[in-house]
């Protein structure tokens, strides 16, 4: 291990106790200070982000920076509200049916230093100062961020701003640090001082890191967001009643940000004979190509798109006009059948990260359900329909088993930050489907429960005491 990484990890380990001891009031102030500093530096950060990612400064990057500052402050509000402590008190009960019950009190404590692997497609909101970093700090964990190679200068500058803001707000040295390089990230993941890790990226890379975390002498939680095709089902009544609206919304969602959203609708089931597939192909052919984040990403997309077009189960493909810019590949739409998808889900149902969608025609609920079950887990599943559609009673439970968030008559690419948000799903969408990486629940990933039995009041953590704990408690079963 090189000296710089050793210094970072030693600093994070030394900071673990004081970061946890700062309490929710202190950590909320830190998060707000970071949000303020990022907003103050927007004039510097936005051009850097644009230069390295090719994303437009306005409205995309400016809006993403607003989101990043918001989620920092929001998670500060979440921990101040107090329910994240999950404070539960069972007072002593000599008449408990199982025999005398001792005084038992449970709450949540931080896991320790968290390693965050920054994402490439959201250079602010899922990167150095993004949601994973904010959630880990809110939970009381020092953070070591492994920078994404797609925006190194932005990562370094953002990290400096975060460090300075935390220091000025009173956070201890070691509460936050940045490291770079694949080998460095792997070395950090293997180090016993890291207590948990979070990742947003590819299935291949995320699964490799997950397996490293699980193979450690002492395995650690690995919260990975890997890949998702986010299936959409259009019912016959919706296809007949609002075809233009559905086509416009689909094409806009599938090509938004050059299709580089983890919630991009990659597989869309349309009723056979509805004509929606032809309308989508016509509309997507008119979309102007947009630059992708990296040349490697654009090349990978072009290869995946070509493989789809050549698959024997794909009977129609269309691509928008080419600009000649290798970074800006042509948006595309491919058409197959539910039977073909069910027969070869690995080839047809794999994620195509870029401005493309696979249209799947279906004729009956049997083949629709079979094709859906052949897909892997997803972050989202969407239904375009009407409340009385006969397909819904069986379809909705099936989709709830596949995805973490269901969308009704909308599109999944927007992921708001709020108390009820669920951004997670069965594998390969995530490695931990019971968790979310966006919203209030994101903080809980980096906490674990501890119960205190028989302790006097003065030795208990404040949130477990009888005298004005300052947080919500569930007491003898009653909240």
Protein backbone atom coordinates (compact mmCIF):
# COMPACT_ATOMS: atom_id res chain seq x y z
CA UNK A 1 0.00 0.00 0.00
CA UNK A 2 1.41 3.40 -0.95
CA UNK A 3 2.01 6.09 1.65
CA UNK A 4 -0.78 8.40 0.51
CA UNK A 5 -3.49 5.74 0.86
CA UNK A 6 -2.10 4.68 4.24
CA UNK A 7 -2.32 8.28 5.44
CA UNK A 8 -5.91 8.56 4.22
CA UNK A 9 -7.04 5.31 5.82
CA UNK A 10 -5.28 6.03 9.08
CA UNK A 11 -6.92 9.45 9.14
CA UNK A 12 -10.37 7.98 8.48
CA UNK A 13 -9.93 5.41 11.24
CA UNK A 14 -8.80 8.09 13.69
CA UNK A 15 -11.77 10.29 12.75
CA UNK A 16 -14.40 7.57 13.21
CA UNK A 17 -15.01 8.18 16.92
CA UNK A 18 -15.15 12.01 16.78
CA UNK A 19 -17.36 11.97 13.65
CA UNK A 20 -19.81 9.65 15.39
CA UNK A 21 -19.63 11.68 18.61
CA UNK A 22 -20.47 14.93 16.80
CA UNK A 23 -24.14 13.99 16.99
CA UNK A 24 -26.88 14.89 14.58
CA UNK A 25 -26.63 18.63 15.26
CA UNK A 26 -22.95 18.76 14.43
CA UNK A 27 -23.19 16.58 11.35
CA UNK A 28 -26.18 18.51 10.05
CA UNK A 29 -24.10 21.69 10.25
CA UNK A 30 -21.29 19.98 8.34
CA UNK A 31 -23.62 18.92 5.53
CA UNK A 32 -25.11 22.38 5.24
CA UNK A 33 -21.63 23.91 5.14
CA UNK A 34 -20.65 21.64 2.26
CA UNK A 35 -23.85 22.51 0.39
CA UNK A 36 -23.17 26.24 0.83
CA UNK A 37 -19.58 25.86 -0.36
CA UNK A 38 -20.55 23.94 -3.48
CA UNK A 39 -23.14 26.53 -4.41
CA UNK A 40 -20.64 29.33 -3.86
CA UNK A 41 -18.19 27.59 -6.19
CA UNK A 42 -20.70 26.87 -8.96
CA UNK A 43 -19.09 29.38 -11.30
CA UNK A 44 -15.88 27.37 -11.12
CA UNK A 45 -17.32 23.86 -10.94
CA UNK A 46 -19.79 23.96 -13.83
CA UNK A 47 -17.21 24.74 -16.55
CA UNK A 48 -14.92 22.05 -15.16
CA UNK A 49 -17.73 19.50 -15.25
CA UNK A 50 -18.71 20.48 -18.79
CA UNK A 51 -15.14 20.21 -20.06
CA UNK A 52 -14.66 16.70 -18.71
CA UNK A 53 -18.12 15.15 -19.22
CA UNK A 54 -19.47 16.98 -22.32
CA UNK A 55 -22.74 17.53 -20.45
CA UNK A 56 -24.23 21.00 -20.99
CA UNK A 57 -23.74 23.50 -18.19
CA UNK A 58 -27.37 24.65 -18.42
CA UNK A 59 -29.74 23.24 -17.54
CA UNK A 60 -28.21 19.80 -16.92
CA UNK A 61 -25.13 20.43 -14.78
CA UNK A 62 -26.53 23.49 -13.04
CA UNK A 63 -29.63 21.51 -12.11
CA UNK A 64 -27.53 18.62 -10.90
CA UNK A 65 -25.51 20.90 -8.65
CA UNK A 66 -28.76 22.25 -7.18
CA UNK A 67 -29.82 18.65 -6.51
CA UNK A 68 -26.48 17.88 -4.86
CA UNK A 69 -26.75 20.80 -2.46
CA UNK A 70 -30.38 19.97 -1.76
CA UNK A 71 -29.70 16.35 -0.86
CA UNK A 72 -26.88 17.38 1.50
CA UNK A 73 -29.25 19.69 3.38
CA UNK A 74 -32.12 17.21 3.14
CA UNK A 75 -30.12 14.43 4.76
CA UNK A 76 -29.13 16.89 7.46
CA UNK A 77 -32.83 17.42 8.11
CA UNK A 78 -33.39 13.65 8.10
CA UNK A 79 -30.91 13.00 10.89
CA UNK A 80 -32.17 16.02 12.85
CA UNK A 81 -35.71 14.58 12.75
CA UNK A 82 -34.34 11.62 14.68
CA UNK A 83 -36.19 8.54 13.47
CA UNK A 84 -33.00 7.32 11.79
CA UNK A 85 -31.79 6.39 15.30
CA UNK A 86 -34.56 3.74 15.40
CA UNK A 87 -34.66 4.15 19.18
CA UNK A 88 -36.62 1.29 20.76
CA UNK A 89 -37.15 0.87 24.51
CA UNK A 90 -38.50 -2.21 26.27
CA UNK A 91 -38.71 -1.38 29.96
CA UNK A 92 -38.24 -4.12 32.55
CA UNK A 93 -41.36 -6.25 32.93
CA UNK A 94 -41.47 -8.99 35.60
CA UNK A 95 -44.75 -10.29 34.16
CA UNK A 96 -43.61 -10.67 30.54
CA UNK A 97 -45.22 -13.88 29.13
CA UNK A 98 -41.85 -15.42 28.26
CA UNK A 99 -40.55 -14.80 31.75
CA UNK A 100 -39.23 -11.64 33.42
CA UNK A 101 -37.99 -9.21 30.77
CA UNK A 102 -34.92 -7.07 31.49
CA UNK A 103 -34.71 -3.41 30.52
CA UNK A 104 -33.59 -3.51 26.88
CA UNK A 105 -32.93 -0.53 24.60
CA UNK A 106 -31.81 -0.53 20.96
CA UNK A 107 -30.52 2.15 18.60
CA UNK A 108 -28.32 2.56 15.53
CA UNK A 109 -24.57 3.26 15.48
CA UNK A 110 -22.25 4.10 12.56
CA UNK A 111 -20.43 1.32 10.70
CA UNK A 112 -17.15 3.24 10.57
CA UNK A 113 -15.21 4.59 7.58
CA UNK A 114 -17.10 4.19 4.29
CA UNK A 115 -15.45 3.81 0.88
CA UNK A 116 -17.49 5.48 -1.88
CA UNK A 117 -16.84 4.63 -5.53
CA UNK A 118 -17.98 7.73 -7.42
CA UNK A 119 -20.15 7.44 -10.53
CA UNK A 120 -19.30 8.83 -13.95
CA UNK A 121 -22.74 9.73 -15.31
CA UNK A 122 -23.63 12.21 -12.56
CA UNK A 123 -20.47 14.21 -11.82
CA UNK A 124 -22.06 16.03 -8.88
CA UNK A 125 -25.08 14.13 -7.52
CA UNK A 126 -23.48 10.64 -7.50
CA UNK A 127 -19.84 11.60 -7.34
CA UNK A 128 -17.46 13.14 -4.80
CA UNK A 129 -20.06 15.09 -2.81
CA UNK A 130 -23.00 12.99 -3.97
CA UNK A 131 -25.67 11.02 -2.22
CA UNK A 132 -23.46 8.21 -0.89
CA UNK A 133 -21.00 10.67 0.62
CA UNK A 134 -23.80 12.75 2.13
CA UNK A 135 -25.56 9.68 3.57
CA UNK A 136 -22.40 8.25 5.10
CA UNK A 137 -21.44 11.55 6.73
CA UNK A 138 -25.01 11.97 7.98
CA UNK A 139 -24.80 8.51 9.54
CA UNK A 140 -21.64 9.49 11.39
CA UNK A 141 -19.09 7.72 9.18
CA UNK A 142 -15.86 9.20 7.77
CA UNK A 143 -15.78 8.97 3.98
CA UNK A 144 -13.03 7.98 1.56
CA UNK A 145 -14.09 8.65 -2.04
CA UNK A 146 -12.48 6.80 -4.92
CA UNK A 147 -12.68 9.31 -7.80
CA UNK A 148 -14.19 8.34 -11.14
CA UNK A 149 -11.59 8.58 -13.94
CA UNK A 150 -14.08 10.32 -16.23
CA UNK A 151 -13.81 13.67 -14.42
CA UNK A 152 -10.55 13.78 -12.44
CA UNK A 153 -10.04 17.56 -12.29
CA UNK A 154 -13.61 18.15 -11.19
CA UNK A 155 -13.22 15.42 -8.56
CA UNK A 156 -10.06 16.98 -7.13
CA UNK A 157 -11.53 20.46 -6.99
CA UNK A 158 -14.80 19.25 -5.48
CA UNK A 159 -12.89 17.27 -2.87
CA UNK A 160 -10.85 20.32 -1.89
CA UNK A 161 -14.05 22.35 -1.47
CA UNK A 162 -15.62 19.61 0.65
CA UNK A 163 -12.53 19.26 2.86
CA UNK A 164 -12.27 22.99 3.43
CA UNK A 165 -15.96 23.33 4.23
CA UNK A 166 -15.89 20.44 6.69
CA UNK A 167 -12.80 21.75 8.41
CA UNK A 168 -14.28 25.25 8.73
CA UNK A 169 -17.48 23.73 10.18
CA UNK A 170 -15.52 21.88 12.86
CA UNK A 171 -15.28 18.38 11.43
CA UNK A 172 -12.14 16.47 12.43
CA UNK A 173 -9.28 15.85 10.04
CA UNK A 174 -9.81 12.53 8.30
CA UNK A 175 -13.58 12.93 8.08
CA UNK A 176 -13.31 13.10 4.27
CA UNK A 177 -10.63 12.27 1.71
CA UNK A 178 -10.23 11.52 -2.00
CA UNK A 179 -8.15 8.77 -3.60
CA UNK A 180 -7.64 7.91 -7.26
CA UNK A 181 -6.87 4.84 -9.34
CA UNK A 182 -8.39 1.38 -9.75
CA UNK A 183 -5.70 -0.43 -7.75
CA UNK A 184 -5.91 2.16 -5.00
CA UNK A 185 -9.67 1.67 -4.77
CA UNK A 186 -9.27 -2.11 -4.54
CA UNK A 187 -6.55 -1.79 -1.90
CA UNK A 188 -8.81 0.48 0.15
CA UNK A 189 -11.73 -1.94 -0.19
CA UNK A 190 -9.58 -4.76 1.18
CA UNK A 191 -8.31 -2.72 4.13
CA UNK A 192 -9.79 -3.72 7.52
CA UNK A 193 -10.26 -0.07 8.48
CA UNK A 194 -13.03 0.31 5.87
CA UNK A 195 -16.38 -0.68 7.38
CA UNK A 196 -18.65 -0.47 4.32
CA UNK A 197 -18.56 0.49 0.65
CA UNK A 198 -20.95 2.08 -1.85
CA UNK A 199 -20.72 1.92 -5.64
CA UNK A 200 -22.57 3.16 -8.71
CA UNK A 201 -21.42 1.81 -12.06
CA UNK A 202 -21.38 -1.25 -14.30
CA UNK A 203 -22.48 -4.79 -13.51
CA UNK A 204 -19.02 -6.14 -14.31
CA UNK A 205 -17.10 -3.66 -12.15
CA UNK A 206 -19.61 -3.62 -9.33
CA UNK A 207 -19.85 -7.39 -9.07
CA UNK A 208 -16.05 -7.70 -8.94
CA UNK A 209 -15.87 -5.19 -6.09
CA UNK A 210 -18.82 -6.83 -4.29
CA UNK A 211 -17.02 -10.17 -4.39
CA UNK A 212 -13.85 -8.60 -2.98
CA UNK A 213 -15.83 -7.09 -0.11
CA UNK A 214 -17.48 -10.46 0.59
CA UNK A 215 -14.17 -12.37 0.41
CA UNK A 216 -12.38 -10.26 3.01
CA UNK A 217 -11.39 -12.07 6.23
CA UNK A 218 -14.09 -9.93 7.81
CA UNK A 219 -16.69 -9.28 5.06
CA UNK A 220 -18.28 -5.85 4.92
CA UNK A 221 -21.56 -4.52 3.50
CA UNK A 222 -21.26 -3.50 -0.16
CA UNK A 223 -24.05 -1.30 -1.47
CA UNK A 224 -23.71 -1.50 -5.23
CA UNK A 225 -25.96 -0.05 -7.92
CA UNK A 226 -25.00 -2.02 -11.02
CA UNK A 227 -27.40 -2.20 -13.96
CA UNK A 228 -31.08 -1.96 -14.83
CA UNK A 229 -33.23 -2.08 -17.96
CA UNK A 230 -36.25 -0.52 -16.19
CA UNK A 231 -39.07 -2.30 -18.05
CA UNK A 232 -42.13 -0.40 -19.25
CA UNK A 233 -45.45 -2.09 -20.01
CA UNK A 234 -48.03 -0.37 -22.22
CA UNK A 235 -51.52 -1.84 -21.99
CA UNK A 236 -53.80 -2.08 -25.04
CA UNK A 237 -56.15 0.61 -23.73
CA UNK A 238 -53.29 3.06 -23.19
CA UNK A 239 -51.80 2.33 -26.61
CA UNK A 240 -55.16 3.00 -28.25
CA UNK A 241 -56.02 6.05 -26.18
CA UNK A 242 -52.86 8.14 -26.11
CA UNK A 243 -50.27 6.84 -28.58
CA UNK A 244 -48.69 10.22 -29.37
CA UNK A 245 -48.22 11.06 -25.70
CA UNK A 246 -46.61 7.68 -24.97
CA UNK A 247 -44.27 7.87 -27.95
CA UNK A 248 -43.14 11.40 -27.14
CA UNK A 249 -42.54 10.57 -23.48
CA UNK A 250 -40.67 7.37 -24.25
CA UNK A 251 -38.32 8.90 -26.78
CA UNK A 252 -37.61 11.85 -24.51
CA UNK A 253 -36.89 9.58 -21.55
CA UNK A 254 -34.79 7.06 -23.49
CA UNK A 255 -32.53 9.71 -25.03
CA UNK A 256 -32.34 12.11 -22.07
CA UNK A 257 -28.70 12.86 -21.30
CA UNK A 258 -27.66 10.64 -24.23
CA UNK A 259 -29.41 7.74 -22.51
CA UNK A 260 -26.87 7.69 -19.68
CA UNK A 261 -29.35 7.52 -16.81
CA UNK A 262 -29.49 4.43 -14.59
CA UNK A 263 -33.29 4.72 -14.83
CA UNK A 264 -33.46 4.93 -18.63
CA UNK A 265 -36.38 2.85 -20.05
CA UNK A 266 -34.39 0.17 -21.85
CA UNK A 267 -37.08 -2.45 -22.52
CA UNK A 268 -40.60 -1.36 -23.46
CA UNK A 269 -43.46 -3.84 -23.94
CA UNK A 270 -46.05 -2.63 -26.47
CA UNK A 271 -49.19 -4.47 -27.61
CA UNK A 272 -48.76 -6.29 -30.90
CA UNK A 273 -50.70 -4.55 -33.65
CA UNK A 274 -50.76 -1.21 -31.84
CA UNK A 275 -48.31 0.40 -34.24
CA UNK A 276 -46.42 2.02 -31.36
CA UNK A 277 -43.11 0.49 -32.38
CA UNK A 278 -43.23 2.18 -35.79
CA UNK A 279 -44.14 5.52 -34.22
CA UNK A 280 -41.23 5.25 -31.76
CA UNK A 281 -38.78 4.42 -34.52
CA UNK A 282 -39.97 7.37 -36.57
CA UNK A 283 -39.67 9.74 -33.59
CA UNK A 284 -36.25 8.51 -32.47
CA UNK A 285 -34.87 8.94 -36.00
CA UNK A 286 -35.46 12.68 -35.62
CA UNK A 287 -33.47 13.00 -32.35
CA UNK A 288 -30.17 14.85 -32.59
CA UNK A 289 -27.22 12.79 -31.31
CA UNK A 290 -25.67 14.06 -28.08
CA UNK A 291 -22.09 13.56 -26.86
CA UNK A 292 -21.64 10.74 -24.40
CA UNK A 293 -19.44 11.01 -21.33
CA UNK A 294 -16.40 9.24 -22.74
CA UNK A 295 -15.14 7.79 -26.01
CA UNK A 296 -14.96 4.36 -24.37
CA UNK A 297 -18.61 4.62 -23.36
CA UNK A 298 -19.64 5.65 -26.86
CA UNK A 299 -17.71 2.74 -28.35
CA UNK A 300 -19.26 0.26 -25.92
CA UNK A 301 -22.71 1.59 -26.77
CA UNK A 302 -22.07 1.29 -30.51
CA UNK A 303 -20.96 -2.32 -30.06
CA UNK A 304 -24.00 -3.20 -27.97
CA UNK A 305 -26.30 -1.48 -30.45
CA UNK A 306 -24.76 -3.41 -33.34
CA UNK A 307 -25.16 -6.71 -31.47
CA UNK A 308 -28.84 -5.99 -30.93
CA UNK A 309 -29.38 -5.12 -34.59
CA UNK A 310 -27.69 -8.38 -35.64
CA UNK A 311 -29.62 -10.62 -33.23
CA UNK A 312 -31.95 -13.04 -35.09
CA UNK A 313 -34.77 -12.22 -32.69
CA UNK A 314 -34.66 -8.52 -33.62
CA UNK A 315 -36.75 -7.97 -36.72
CA UNK A 316 -36.48 -4.19 -37.02
CA UNK A 317 -33.89 -1.56 -36.08
CA UNK A 318 -33.62 2.13 -36.73
CA UNK A 319 -31.05 4.77 -35.86
CA UNK A 320 -31.09 8.54 -36.10
CA UNK A 321 -28.81 10.32 -38.52
CA UNK A 322 -25.10 10.31 -37.72
CA UNK A 323 -23.20 13.52 -37.06
CA UNK A 324 -19.86 11.87 -37.69
CA UNK A 325 -18.82 12.59 -34.10
CA UNK A 326 -17.66 9.38 -32.42
CA UNK A 327 -18.69 10.75 -29.04
CA UNK A 328 -22.26 11.32 -30.20
CA UNK A 329 -23.67 7.98 -31.40
CA UNK A 330 -27.00 7.73 -33.13
CA UNK A 331 -30.04 7.07 -30.94
CA UNK A 332 -31.70 3.80 -31.85
CA UNK A 333 -34.78 1.66 -31.36
CA UNK A 334 -34.91 -2.09 -31.95
CA UNK A 335 -38.02 -4.28 -32.16
CA UNK A 336 -38.39 -7.87 -30.99
CA UNK A 337 -41.11 -10.09 -29.56
CA UNK A 338 -41.90 -11.21 -26.05
CA UNK A 339 -41.25 -14.81 -27.09
CA UNK A 340 -37.80 -13.94 -28.46
CA UNK A 341 -36.89 -12.02 -25.32
CA UNK A 342 -37.98 -14.88 -23.07
CA UNK A 343 -35.92 -17.30 -25.18
CA UNK A 344 -32.69 -15.26 -24.99
CA UNK A 345 -32.87 -12.74 -22.13
CA UNK A 346 -29.08 -12.55 -21.68
CA UNK A 347 -28.60 -11.15 -25.18
CA UNK A 348 -31.80 -9.16 -25.62
CA UNK A 349 -32.49 -8.13 -22.02
CA UNK A 350 -29.05 -6.82 -21.10
CA UNK A 351 -28.59 -3.12 -20.36
CA UNK A 352 -27.67 -0.91 -23.32
CA UNK A 353 -26.13 2.15 -21.67
CA UNK A 354 -26.84 4.94 -24.12
CA UNK A 355 -29.65 6.47 -26.22
CA UNK A 356 -31.47 3.30 -27.20
CA UNK A 357 -34.55 1.29 -26.31
CA UNK A 358 -35.78 -2.22 -27.11
CA UNK A 359 -39.44 -2.43 -28.11
CA UNK A 360 -41.01 -5.80 -27.30
CA UNK A 361 -44.35 -6.67 -28.86
CA UNK A 362 -46.70 -8.88 -26.84
CA UNK A 363 -50.02 -10.55 -27.71
CA UNK A 364 -51.23 -12.07 -24.45
CA UNK A 365 -50.54 -11.81 -20.74
CA UNK A 366 -48.94 -15.27 -20.70
CA UNK A 367 -46.10 -14.31 -23.01
CA UNK A 368 -45.84 -10.85 -21.43
CA UNK A 369 -45.39 -12.36 -17.97
CA UNK A 370 -42.88 -14.92 -19.22
CA UNK A 371 -40.75 -12.22 -20.82
CA UNK A 372 -40.89 -10.02 -17.71
CA UNK A 373 -39.85 -12.91 -15.48
CA UNK A 374 -36.88 -13.57 -17.77
CA UNK A 375 -35.49 -10.11 -17.04
CA UNK A 376 -33.22 -9.40 -14.10
CA UNK A 377 -34.09 -7.12 -11.21
CA UNK A 378 -34.58 -3.44 -11.97
CA UNK A 379 -34.53 -0.09 -10.25
CA UNK A 380 -37.90 0.81 -11.74
CA UNK A 381 -40.86 -0.69 -13.59
CA UNK A 382 -43.44 1.47 -15.36
CA UNK A 383 -47.02 0.89 -16.44
CA UNK A 384 -48.90 2.97 -18.97
CA UNK A 385 -52.53 2.03 -18.60
CA UNK A 386 -55.96 2.87 -17.21
CA UNK A 387 -57.29 1.91 -13.77
CA UNK A 388 -59.78 -0.64 -15.10
CA UNK A 389 -57.36 -2.52 -17.35
CA UNK A 390 -57.82 -6.28 -16.88
CA UNK A 391 -54.06 -6.87 -17.04
CA UNK A 392 -53.31 -4.92 -13.86
CA UNK A 393 -54.30 -7.33 -11.03
CA UNK A 394 -51.63 -9.86 -12.09
CA UNK A 395 -49.19 -7.43 -13.67
CA UNK A 396 -48.62 -5.08 -10.72
CA UNK A 397 -47.56 -7.76 -8.19
CA UNK A 398 -45.23 -9.23 -10.81
CA UNK A 399 -43.58 -5.85 -11.39
CA UNK A 400 -43.32 -5.20 -7.65
CA UNK A 401 -41.30 -8.41 -7.44
CA UNK A 402 -38.92 -7.17 -10.13
CA UNK A 403 -38.27 -3.54 -9.20
CA UNK A 404 -37.82 -1.15 -6.31
CA UNK A 405 -40.01 1.67 -7.67
CA UNK A 406 -43.18 1.39 -9.74
CA UNK A 407 -44.22 4.29 -11.98
CA UNK A 408 -47.79 4.87 -13.20
CA UNK A 409 -48.32 6.72 -16.50
CA UNK A 410 -45.00 8.49 -16.26
CA UNK A 411 -41.34 7.88 -17.04
CA UNK A 412 -38.66 6.64 -14.66
CA UNK A 413 -35.73 8.91 -15.48
CA UNK A 414 -36.57 11.48 -12.78
CA UNK A 415 -35.53 10.34 -9.27
CA UNK A 416 -36.66 12.85 -6.68
CA UNK A 417 -34.99 13.14 -3.27
CA UNK A 418 -37.53 12.67 -0.48
CA UNK A 419 -38.66 10.63 2.48
CA UNK A 420 -40.45 7.90 0.49
CA UNK A 421 -37.96 7.44 -2.36
CA UNK A 422 -36.71 3.94 -3.12
CA UNK A 423 -33.74 3.77 -5.46
CA UNK A 424 -32.77 0.13 -5.37
CA UNK A 425 -34.02 -3.22 -6.54
CA UNK A 426 -33.24 -6.92 -6.93
CA UNK A 427 -29.92 -7.93 -8.48
CA UNK A 428 -28.44 -6.80 -10.84
CA UNK A 429 -30.04 -3.44 -10.12
CA UNK A 430 -28.35 -3.49 -6.72
CA UNK A 431 -26.41 -5.87 -4.50
CA UNK A 432 -28.56 -4.94 -1.48
CA UNK A 433 -32.22 -4.80 -2.60
CA UNK A 434 -33.54 -3.92 0.86
CA UNK A 435 -31.76 -0.55 0.75
CA UNK A 436 -31.98 2.71 -1.20
CA UNK A 437 -29.20 5.03 -2.35
CA UNK A 438 -31.51 8.05 -2.74
CA UNK A 439 -33.78 9.65 -0.17
CA UNK A 440 -34.07 9.52 3.58
CA UNK A 441 -33.54 5.76 3.76
CA UNK A 442 -30.05 6.09 2.26
CA UNK A 443 -28.59 6.98 5.66
CA UNK A 444 -29.62 3.66 7.23
CA UNK A 445 -27.23 1.72 4.99
CA UNK A 446 -24.30 2.92 7.08
CA UNK A 447 -25.77 2.16 10.50
CA UNK A 448 -26.12 -1.03 12.54
CA UNK A 449 -28.23 -1.80 15.62
CA UNK A 450 -26.87 -2.12 19.15
CA UNK A 451 -28.98 -3.11 22.16
CA UNK A 452 -28.20 -2.02 25.73
CA UNK A 453 -29.47 -4.31 28.49
CA UNK A 454 -29.85 -3.31 32.12
CA UNK A 455 -27.79 -0.08 31.97
CA UNK A 456 -28.37 2.86 34.31
CA UNK A 457 -29.75 6.02 32.72
CA UNK A 458 -26.54 8.01 32.95
CA UNK A 459 -24.60 5.42 30.95
CA UNK A 460 -27.11 5.12 28.11
CA UNK A 461 -26.78 6.99 24.80
CA UNK A 462 -28.94 10.15 24.95
CA UNK A 463 -31.53 8.87 22.46
CA UNK A 464 -32.28 5.85 24.68
CA UNK A 465 -32.80 7.68 27.97
CA UNK A 466 -36.13 8.32 29.64
CA UNK A 467 -35.56 12.04 30.20
CA UNK A 468 -36.28 13.99 26.97
CA UNK A 469 -34.29 11.86 24.50
CA UNK A 470 -34.88 14.42 21.75
CA UNK A 471 -35.73 11.74 19.16
CA UNK A 472 -38.78 9.57 18.47
CA UNK A 473 -38.88 6.39 20.54
CA UNK A 474 -40.88 3.20 20.32
CA UNK A 475 -41.54 2.51 24.00
CA UNK A 476 -42.94 -0.85 25.08
CA UNK A 477 -44.29 -1.30 21.55
CA UNK A 478 -45.90 2.12 21.26
CA UNK A 479 -44.33 4.92 19.18
